[in-house]
Amino acid sequence: MKRHMQATELARDERFVRISTEERFNDPRQVPREPGSKRRPGPQLRPERHEAPDAARAMMHAIFTGEIQALEGAGRTCWDFEVGADSPFELKLDMARQCWDEARHCEISVKLGDHMGTEVGEYAENVVLFEAACNPDPVLRLTGVNRALEGLAIDVFNTMREYGQATADPVLEFCEDWMLADEVTHVKMGSDWLRRLTENDPERRARALEFQRVVDKLFSAGGFRGDEDDSPVKLARRFRELAGFTPAEVEEISQLSRQARAEADAAVR
C-alpha cells in the first residue's frame, strides 16, 4: 500500500461532490447583499430561526464527511510512519483506537442524517481535514488534525448537542453527547503526543502550534466559530480544557475568531 497519499487521491463514489477550501470559504451566500453591511458568520442553530433546521442538516452532513476523513487520516498515520522516535508504537495504538471511534462515528452520523432527513451527497464535501492528515511531519499532522480540527469537532458536537436539547430531540442530543466524549479523548491524545514528541525540541513545537493557529483561524472565518452570540458554532471552553488545552490556548482561539471576523468585515466594507 502506498505511503503518504495526496488529498487529490482520496477516493469517493458517485454520491459525493467535492469542493475546494477556497470555494467553501468564498461562498457568496456568506456575504451580505447590502453594500457596507458586515459579513454574516452563517446560519444560527436556534430553534426560533427559520433557517435553523436546514443549517443543522448541512452541519450534520459536514460532520459525516469529516468523520470519514478523520477515519482515513488516523488510518494513514498508523501506516505512513515507521515505528521510531517520531512515531512510537504507542502513538500507532492511539491512532488505531481513534480509527475504531471514527468508524463508529461514521455509522452514527449516517443514521443521524437519515433521522434529520439528509441524504449522503446532498451537500458538498470539503477535504481540508484529510489535507491536514497528509502532512509529512507526524507532529504537524497531530496538531492540524487532533488539536485543530478535532478541536473544532468538540465545538461542533457541543453546539449540535445543545440544539438537540433546545428542539427536544433526544436522539440528536444523545448521539452528539456520545461522540463529543470521544472527541475530547482524540484531542487529548493530540495534546499529549505534541508535548511528548517535542519535549526537547521547542522550535518544532513552535512550528506545530503555528500550523494549528493557521487551521484554527481558517475555521473561525468570519466568526463561524467563536464566543459571540451570533457565531454558528460556539467555542466549547470547558470541554477543550478537558482535552488538554490550557485556558490561555482557548482564549487565543477566541481571539483568532475575533480577528478573522474583523478581517472579513473589513473586506466587505
Protein backbone atom coordinates (compact mmCIF):
# COMPACT_ATOMS: atom_id res chain seq x y z
CA MET A 1 0.00 0.00 0.00
CA LYS A 2 1.27 3.45 -0.87
CA ARG A 3 2.55 5.64 1.92
CA HIS A 4 1.89 9.39 2.16
CA MET A 5 -1.07 9.90 -0.16
CA GLN A 6 -2.07 13.28 -1.51
CA ALA A 7 -5.53 14.67 -0.79
CA THR A 8 -6.30 14.58 -4.53
CA GLU A 9 -6.00 10.78 -4.41
CA LEU A 10 -8.80 10.39 -1.86
CA ALA A 11 -11.46 8.16 -3.42
CA ARG A 12 -15.22 8.68 -3.25
CA ASP A 13 -18.21 7.15 -5.00
CA GLU A 14 -20.61 8.96 -7.32
CA ARG A 15 -22.81 10.24 -4.47
CA PHE A 16 -20.19 12.71 -3.27
CA VAL A 17 -19.49 16.19 -4.65
CA ARG A 18 -16.18 17.74 -3.66
CA ILE A 19 -15.40 21.44 -3.33
CA SER A 20 -12.09 23.11 -2.55
CA THR A 21 -11.31 25.01 0.61
CA GLU A 22 -11.26 28.24 -1.42
CA GLU A 23 -14.71 27.54 -2.84
CA ARG A 24 -16.13 26.84 0.58
CA PHE A 25 -14.82 29.95 2.27
CA ASN A 26 -15.54 32.23 -0.69
CA ASP A 27 -19.18 31.10 -0.92
CA PRO A 28 -21.12 34.28 -1.87
CA ARG A 29 -24.02 33.15 0.33
CA GLN A 30 -21.85 34.07 3.32
CA VAL A 31 -21.56 37.69 2.13
CA PRO A 32 -24.40 40.19 2.72
CA ARG A 33 -26.09 41.71 -0.32
CA GLU A 34 -26.36 45.24 1.06
CA PRO A 35 -23.22 47.32 0.47
CA GLY A 36 -21.38 48.35 3.62
CA SER A 37 -23.04 45.79 5.87
CA LYS A 38 -21.00 43.28 7.83
CA ARG A 39 -20.29 39.75 6.68
CA ARG A 40 -22.63 37.20 8.20
CA PRO A 41 -20.94 34.36 10.06
CA GLY A 42 -23.55 31.86 8.83
CA PRO A 43 -26.93 30.40 9.84
CA GLN A 44 -27.68 30.21 13.56
CA LEU A 45 -28.72 26.94 15.23
CA ARG A 46 -31.54 28.47 17.22
CA PRO A 47 -34.98 26.83 17.13
CA GLU A 48 -36.77 30.14 16.61
CA ARG A 49 -34.87 30.87 13.39
CA HIS A 50 -36.48 29.58 10.21
CA GLU A 51 -33.14 28.56 8.65
CA ALA A 52 -32.06 26.51 11.69
CA PRO A 53 -33.33 23.07 10.51
CA ASP A 54 -31.56 23.36 7.14
CA ALA A 55 -28.41 24.66 8.84
CA ALA A 56 -28.49 21.71 11.25
CA ARG A 57 -28.89 19.23 8.37
CA ALA A 58 -25.99 20.81 6.48
CA MET A 59 -23.82 20.69 9.59
CA MET A 60 -24.76 17.06 10.17
CA HIS A 61 -23.64 16.19 6.63
CA ALA A 62 -20.38 18.08 7.20
CA ILE A 63 -19.88 16.07 10.39
CA PHE A 64 -20.43 12.85 8.45
CA THR A 65 -17.84 13.67 5.76
CA GLY A 66 -15.46 14.89 8.43
CA GLU A 67 -15.77 11.58 10.27
CA ILE A 68 -14.89 9.67 7.10
CA GLN A 69 -11.79 11.82 6.64
CA ALA A 70 -10.85 11.50 10.31
CA LEU A 71 -11.06 7.71 9.98
CA GLU A 72 -8.95 7.79 6.83
CA GLY A 73 -6.47 10.25 8.37
CA ALA A 74 -5.93 8.26 11.57
CA GLY A 75 -5.51 5.12 9.48
CA ARG A 76 -2.93 6.82 7.29
CA THR A 77 -0.98 7.91 10.39
CA CYS A 78 -0.89 4.28 11.52
CA TRP A 79 0.54 3.28 8.12
CA ASP A 80 2.57 6.21 6.84
CA PHE A 81 5.26 6.30 9.55
CA GLU A 82 7.70 3.61 10.62
CA VAL A 83 7.94 2.92 14.35
CA GLY A 84 10.66 5.17 15.72
CA ALA A 85 11.33 8.34 17.68
CA ASP A 86 8.75 10.33 15.67
CA SER A 87 6.17 7.57 15.70
CA PRO A 88 6.31 5.40 18.83
CA PHE A 89 4.31 2.19 18.79
CA GLU A 90 2.04 3.65 21.48
CA LEU A 91 1.16 6.51 19.11
CA LYS A 92 0.10 3.99 16.49
CA LEU A 93 -2.07 2.26 19.09
CA ASP A 94 -3.77 5.58 19.87
CA MET A 95 -4.40 6.17 16.19
CA ALA A 96 -5.83 2.66 15.82
CA ARG A 97 -8.15 3.40 18.76
CA GLN A 98 -9.18 6.60 17.01
CA CYS A 99 -9.94 4.66 13.81
CA TRP A 100 -12.30 2.46 15.79
CA ASP A 101 -14.03 5.54 17.23
CA GLU A 102 -14.27 7.29 13.86
CA ALA A 103 -15.76 4.21 12.19
CA ARG A 104 -18.46 4.21 14.85
CA HIS A 105 -18.99 7.94 14.34
CA CYS A 106 -19.49 7.36 10.60
CA GLU A 107 -22.26 4.87 11.34
CA ILE A 108 -23.88 7.18 13.90
CA SER A 109 -23.66 10.15 11.53
CA VAL A 110 -25.29 8.26 8.65
CA LYS A 111 -28.17 7.28 10.90
CA LEU A 112 -28.48 10.82 12.25
CA GLY A 113 -28.59 12.08 8.67
CA ASP A 114 -31.48 9.73 7.99
CA HIS A 115 -33.12 10.88 11.23
CA MET A 116 -32.81 14.52 10.14
CA GLY A 117 -33.88 13.90 6.54
CA THR A 118 -30.48 14.28 4.85
CA GLU A 119 -29.09 12.07 2.09
CA VAL A 120 -25.42 11.27 1.57
CA GLY A 121 -24.12 13.71 -1.04
CA GLU A 122 -26.89 16.26 -0.54
CA TYR A 123 -24.21 18.78 0.48
CA ALA A 124 -20.71 19.15 -0.92
CA GLU A 125 -17.65 17.69 0.79
CA ASN A 126 -14.55 19.71 1.59
CA VAL A 127 -11.43 17.64 2.31
CA VAL A 128 -9.40 20.08 4.40
CA LEU A 129 -9.23 17.58 7.28
CA PHE A 130 -7.65 14.93 5.07
CA GLU A 131 -5.33 17.57 3.62
CA ALA A 132 -4.05 18.20 7.15
CA ALA A 133 -3.78 14.43 7.64
CA CYS A 134 -1.39 14.26 4.67
CA ASN A 135 1.26 16.42 6.35
CA PRO A 136 4.61 14.57 6.15
CA ASP A 137 5.56 15.59 9.70
CA PRO A 138 3.67 13.48 12.27
CA VAL A 139 3.79 16.29 14.83
CA LEU A 140 2.22 18.79 12.44
CA ARG A 141 -0.30 16.14 11.43
CA LEU A 142 -1.31 15.67 15.09
CA THR A 143 -1.64 19.39 15.73
CA GLY A 144 -3.52 20.07 12.49
CA VAL A 145 -5.93 17.15 12.86
CA ASN A 146 -6.18 16.17 16.52
CA ARG A 147 -5.84 19.59 18.11
CA ALA A 148 -7.19 22.00 15.47
CA LEU A 149 -9.83 20.05 13.52
CA GLU A 150 -10.83 17.56 16.20
CA GLY A 151 -10.90 20.58 18.49
CA LEU A 152 -13.37 22.16 16.09
CA ALA A 153 -15.36 18.91 16.28
CA ILE A 154 -15.65 19.43 20.06
CA ASP A 155 -17.19 22.85 19.40
CA VAL A 156 -19.48 21.49 16.66
CA PHE A 157 -20.70 18.47 18.62
CA ASN A 158 -21.39 20.60 21.67
CA THR A 159 -23.34 23.08 19.54
CA MET A 160 -25.36 20.26 17.95
CA ARG A 161 -25.94 18.64 21.35
CA GLU A 162 -27.36 21.92 22.66
CA TYR A 163 -29.51 22.25 19.55
CA GLY A 164 -30.88 18.78 20.24
CA GLN A 165 -31.71 19.87 23.77
CA ALA A 166 -33.38 23.07 22.59
CA THR A 167 -35.50 21.25 19.99
CA ALA A 168 -36.43 18.39 22.34
CA ASP A 169 -34.74 15.85 20.04
CA PRO A 170 -33.36 13.16 22.40
CA VAL A 171 -31.85 11.15 19.53
CA LEU A 172 -29.72 14.05 18.30
CA GLU A 173 -28.80 15.11 21.83
CA PHE A 174 -27.73 11.64 22.93
CA CYS A 175 -25.71 10.85 19.80
CA GLU A 176 -23.88 14.18 19.82
CA ASP A 177 -23.13 13.84 23.52
CA TRP A 178 -21.71 10.35 22.91
CA MET A 179 -19.48 11.49 20.04
CA LEU A 180 -18.42 14.60 21.97
CA ALA A 181 -16.90 12.38 24.67
CA ASP A 182 -14.83 10.58 22.02
CA GLU A 183 -13.65 13.87 20.51
CA VAL A 184 -12.38 15.05 23.88
CA THR A 185 -10.31 11.85 24.02
CA HIS A 186 -8.97 12.38 20.49
CA VAL A 187 -7.93 15.96 21.17
CA LYS A 188 -6.35 14.92 24.48
CA MET A 189 -4.28 12.32 22.62
CA GLY A 190 -3.10 15.03 20.21
CA SER A 191 -2.25 17.39 23.07
CA ASP A 192 -0.31 14.70 24.95
CA TRP A 193 1.64 13.50 21.91
CA LEU A 194 2.50 17.03 20.83
CA ARG A 195 4.13 17.65 24.18
CA ARG A 196 5.86 14.26 24.31
CA LEU A 197 7.29 14.38 20.78
CA THR A 198 8.56 17.96 21.09
CA GLU A 199 9.69 17.82 24.71
CA ASN A 200 13.30 18.50 23.73
CA ASP A 201 12.62 20.46 20.54
CA PRO A 202 10.96 23.82 21.30
CA GLU A 203 11.40 25.05 17.73
CA ARG A 204 9.48 22.09 16.32
CA ARG A 205 6.74 22.61 18.90
CA ALA A 206 6.51 26.27 17.93
CA ARG A 207 6.17 25.33 14.22
CA ALA A 208 3.44 22.82 15.05
CA LEU A 209 1.49 25.30 17.15
CA GLU A 210 1.77 27.90 14.40
CA PHE A 211 0.35 25.38 11.92
CA GLN A 212 -2.50 24.80 14.36
CA ARG A 213 -3.18 28.55 14.54
CA VAL A 214 -3.42 28.73 10.75
CA VAL A 215 -6.02 25.93 10.71
CA ASP A 216 -7.91 27.38 13.68
CA LYS A 217 -8.11 30.81 12.06
CA LEU A 218 -9.31 29.28 8.79
CA PHE A 219 -12.25 27.66 10.59
CA SER A 220 -13.01 30.79 12.55
CA ALA A 221 -13.54 32.60 9.25
CA GLY A 222 -15.98 35.48 9.55
CA GLY A 223 -16.94 34.43 13.08
CA PHE A 224 -18.13 30.93 12.14
CA ARG A 225 -16.67 29.59 15.40
CA GLY A 226 -16.25 31.86 18.41
CA ASP A 227 -17.69 33.28 21.62
CA GLU A 228 -20.01 35.85 20.02
CA ASP A 229 -23.77 35.42 20.29
CA ASP A 230 -24.21 35.12 16.53
CA SER A 231 -21.40 32.59 15.99
CA PRO A 232 -23.00 29.47 14.48
CA VAL A 233 -20.55 27.28 16.43
CA LYS A 234 -19.71 28.28 19.99
CA LEU A 235 -16.27 27.72 21.46
CA ALA A 236 -16.69 24.88 23.99
CA ARG A 237 -14.22 26.16 26.55
CA ARG A 238 -14.84 23.59 29.31
CA PHE A 239 -14.57 20.58 27.00
CA ARG A 240 -11.42 21.95 25.36
CA GLU A 241 -9.76 22.28 28.74
CA LEU A 242 -10.68 18.67 29.49
CA ALA A 243 -8.98 17.81 26.18
CA GLY A 244 -5.65 19.30 27.24
CA PHE A 245 -5.96 22.92 26.13
CA THR A 246 -4.79 25.49 28.65
CA PRO A 247 -7.11 28.45 29.39
CA ALA A 248 -4.60 30.66 27.56
CA GLU A 249 -4.77 28.45 24.45
CA VAL A 250 -8.57 28.53 24.47
CA GLU A 251 -8.51 32.31 24.80
CA GLU A 252 -6.10 32.51 21.86
CA ILE A 253 -8.59 30.61 19.69
CA SER A 254 -11.30 33.06 20.75
CA GLN A 255 -9.04 35.96 19.77
CA LEU A 256 -8.31 34.33 16.40
CA SER A 257 -12.06 34.18 15.80
CA ARG A 258 -12.49 37.86 16.60
CA GLN A 259 -9.56 38.71 14.34
CA ALA A 260 -10.97 36.60 11.49
CA ARG A 261 -14.36 38.30 11.88
CA ALA A 262 -12.82 41.78 11.86
CA GLU A 263 -10.84 40.96 8.70
CA ALA A 264 -13.95 39.62 6.98
CA ASP A 265 -15.95 42.71 7.95
CA ALA A 266 -13.19 44.96 6.60
CA ALA A 267 -13.10 43.05 3.32
CA VAL A 268 -16.76 43.80 2.50
CA ARG A 269 -16.80 47.45 3.50
